[in-house]
Protein backbone atom coordinates (compact mmCIF):
# COMPACT_ATOMS: atom_id res chain seq x y z
CA MET A 1 -7.77 -37.38 1.60
CA MET A 2 -8.47 -33.66 1.21
CA LEU A 3 -12.06 -32.46 0.98
CA THR A 4 -12.59 -29.29 -1.03
CA MET A 5 -15.80 -27.36 -1.07
CA THR A 6 -16.78 -24.86 -3.71
CA LEU A 7 -17.93 -21.61 -2.19
CA GLN A 8 -21.32 -20.59 -3.55
CA ILE A 9 -21.61 -16.86 -4.15
CA GLU A 10 -24.56 -15.17 -5.75
CA PHE A 11 -23.70 -12.47 -8.29
CA THR A 12 -26.23 -9.89 -9.42
CA PRO A 13 -25.82 -8.25 -12.83
CA GLU A 14 -24.92 -5.02 -11.00
CA ILE A 15 -22.14 -6.74 -9.02
CA ILE A 16 -20.80 -8.42 -12.16
CA GLY A 17 -20.74 -5.05 -13.92
CA THR A 18 -18.88 -3.42 -11.03
CA LEU A 19 -16.36 -6.29 -10.86
CA ASN A 20 -15.81 -6.05 -14.61
CA TYR A 21 -15.24 -2.29 -14.44
CA GLU A 22 -13.01 -2.29 -11.34
CA ARG A 23 -10.77 -5.11 -12.58
CA TYR A 24 -9.45 -2.66 -15.18
CA HIS A 25 -9.98 0.77 -13.62
CA HIS A 26 -9.24 0.58 -9.91
CA PRO A 27 -5.96 2.41 -9.17
CA VAL A 28 -4.55 -0.35 -6.91
CA PRO A 29 -3.29 -3.47 -8.74
CA LEU A 30 -4.08 -5.72 -5.74
CA VAL A 31 -7.71 -4.60 -5.86
CA GLN A 32 -7.78 -5.15 -9.63
CA ARG A 33 -6.62 -8.75 -9.04
CA ARG A 34 -9.31 -9.31 -6.43
CA MET A 35 -11.99 -7.94 -8.74
CA TRP A 36 -10.73 -10.05 -11.60
CA ALA A 37 -10.79 -13.18 -9.46
CA LEU A 38 -14.38 -12.53 -8.40
CA TRP A 39 -15.38 -11.68 -11.98
CA LEU A 40 -13.93 -15.02 -13.11
CA LYS A 41 -15.82 -16.72 -10.25
CA SER A 42 -19.02 -15.07 -11.50
CA ASN A 43 -18.34 -16.80 -14.81
CA HIS A 44 -18.25 -20.18 -13.03
CA LEU A 45 -14.58 -20.97 -13.60
CA PRO A 46 -12.96 -23.50 -11.24
CA HIS A 47 -10.86 -22.09 -8.41
CA GLY A 48 -7.65 -23.66 -9.70
CA LEU A 49 -8.05 -22.03 -13.09
CA ILE A 50 -8.93 -18.68 -11.51
CA ALA A 51 -5.78 -18.88 -9.38
CA GLN A 52 -3.69 -19.71 -12.45
CA LEU A 53 -5.17 -16.88 -14.54
CA VAL A 54 -4.88 -14.30 -11.76
CA GLY A 55 -1.37 -15.47 -10.80
CA VAL A 56 -1.96 -16.27 -7.15
CA THR A 57 -2.44 -19.44 -5.08
CA GLU A 58 -5.77 -21.13 -4.53
CA ASN A 59 -5.56 -20.14 -0.86
CA THR A 60 -5.29 -16.50 -1.89
CA ILE A 61 -8.29 -16.93 -4.21
CA ARG A 62 -10.29 -18.33 -1.30
CA ASP A 63 -9.19 -15.33 0.80
CA TYR A 64 -10.49 -12.98 -1.92
CA PHE A 65 -13.80 -14.85 -2.01
CA GLN A 66 -14.07 -14.71 1.79
CA LEU A 67 -13.46 -10.94 1.73
CA PHE A 68 -16.32 -10.61 -0.75
CA VAL A 69 -18.63 -12.78 1.36
CA GLU A 70 -17.79 -10.68 4.44
CA GLY A 71 -18.25 -7.24 2.90
CA GLY A 72 -18.93 -7.28 -0.82
CA ILE A 73 -17.19 -5.01 -3.31
CA GLU A 74 -16.21 -2.48 -0.62
CA LYS A 75 -14.34 -5.14 1.36
CA LEU A 76 -12.41 -6.10 -1.79
CA LYS A 77 -11.31 -2.46 -2.11
CA GLU A 78 -9.80 -2.33 1.39
CA VAL A 79 -6.03 -2.27 1.29
CA ASP A 80 -3.96 -2.24 4.45
CA PHE A 81 -0.35 -1.82 3.41
CA TYR A 82 2.06 -1.54 6.31
CA GLN A 83 3.70 1.87 6.26
CA PRO A 84 6.05 2.45 9.16
CA GLU A 85 6.28 6.00 10.46
CA SER A 86 9.60 7.66 11.00
CA ALA A 87 10.57 8.50 14.57
CA LEU A 88 11.54 11.88 13.14
CA LEU A 89 7.89 12.77 12.44
CA GLU A 90 7.26 13.84 16.03
CA HIS A 91 10.14 16.33 15.64
CA THR A 92 8.97 17.80 12.32
CA THR A 93 7.80 21.13 13.74
CA SER A 94 10.92 21.81 15.80
CA LEU A 95 13.25 20.68 13.00
CA GLU A 96 11.41 22.79 10.46
CA GLY A 97 11.80 25.87 12.66
CA TYR A 98 15.47 25.17 13.25
CA PHE A 99 16.31 24.54 9.57
CA ARG A 100 14.38 27.60 8.40
CA ASP A 101 16.52 29.73 10.73
CA HIS A 102 19.72 27.74 10.12
CA PRO A 103 19.61 26.16 6.63
CA PRO A 104 22.12 23.33 6.34
CA ALA A 105 24.76 23.62 3.65
CA THR A 106 24.92 19.85 3.14
CA ILE A 107 22.91 16.76 3.93
CA LYS A 108 25.77 15.63 6.16
CA GLU A 109 25.37 18.84 8.19
CA ALA A 110 21.60 18.30 8.41
CA GLN A 111 22.22 14.69 9.46
CA SER A 112 24.53 15.80 12.26
CA LYS A 113 22.17 18.54 13.46
CA ILE A 114 19.16 16.17 13.47
CA GLU A 115 21.10 13.71 15.62
CA THR A 116 22.17 16.50 18.00
CA LEU A 117 18.66 17.96 18.30
CA THR A 118 16.65 14.73 18.48
CA GLY A 119 19.08 11.97 19.40
CA ILE A 120 17.89 10.07 16.31
CA GLN A 121 20.56 8.80 13.95
CA ARG A 122 19.67 8.40 10.26
CA SER A 123 21.66 7.84 7.06
CA GLU A 124 22.25 10.72 4.65
CA THR A 125 19.73 9.21 2.25
CA GLN A 126 17.07 8.96 4.97
CA VAL A 127 17.75 12.54 6.09
CA ALA A 128 17.51 13.84 2.51
CA GLU A 129 14.19 12.03 2.00
CA PHE A 130 12.83 13.28 5.32
CA LEU A 131 13.75 16.88 4.56
CA LYS A 132 12.41 16.70 1.02
CA LYS A 133 9.16 15.01 2.03
CA ASN A 134 8.36 17.09 5.08
CA PHE A 135 9.41 20.67 4.69
CA ILE A 136 12.59 21.62 2.90
CA SER A 137 11.96 22.78 -0.66
CA VAL A 138 15.68 23.17 -1.38
CA VAL A 139 17.53 19.98 -0.58
CA ALA A 140 21.18 20.60 0.16
CA LYS A 141 23.82 18.72 -1.78
CA SER A 142 25.51 15.73 -0.16
CA ALA A 143 29.06 16.29 0.98
């Protein structure tokens, strides 16, 4: 037999207003979902229905509620997406200097030179993205 407990959270009119606003206007969809879930909770809907309306599991709903209990609205706004950093980032300055003095004619040439200079092997697509994102305003054509 599973025992479920309903988490009791007190909502002030100010908190309800903020939840209502942020569920539509926050720029991150995950945060909007969290705000919506808490706004529905403030309207005394059952957890199962909140989960169904928001489109997540009941466990996720409980996680949202726990975040709110731990840190209020600000905790709901925290987003920690994993964003791996490229090993090439530590070579940005030296590569930028090299490519400014020796612009590559093709991405394939840039790919080869990056591997020679850094020992790091990347696909043509990854090299093109790295160059475009970090310092090269004119991206060479692929060979």
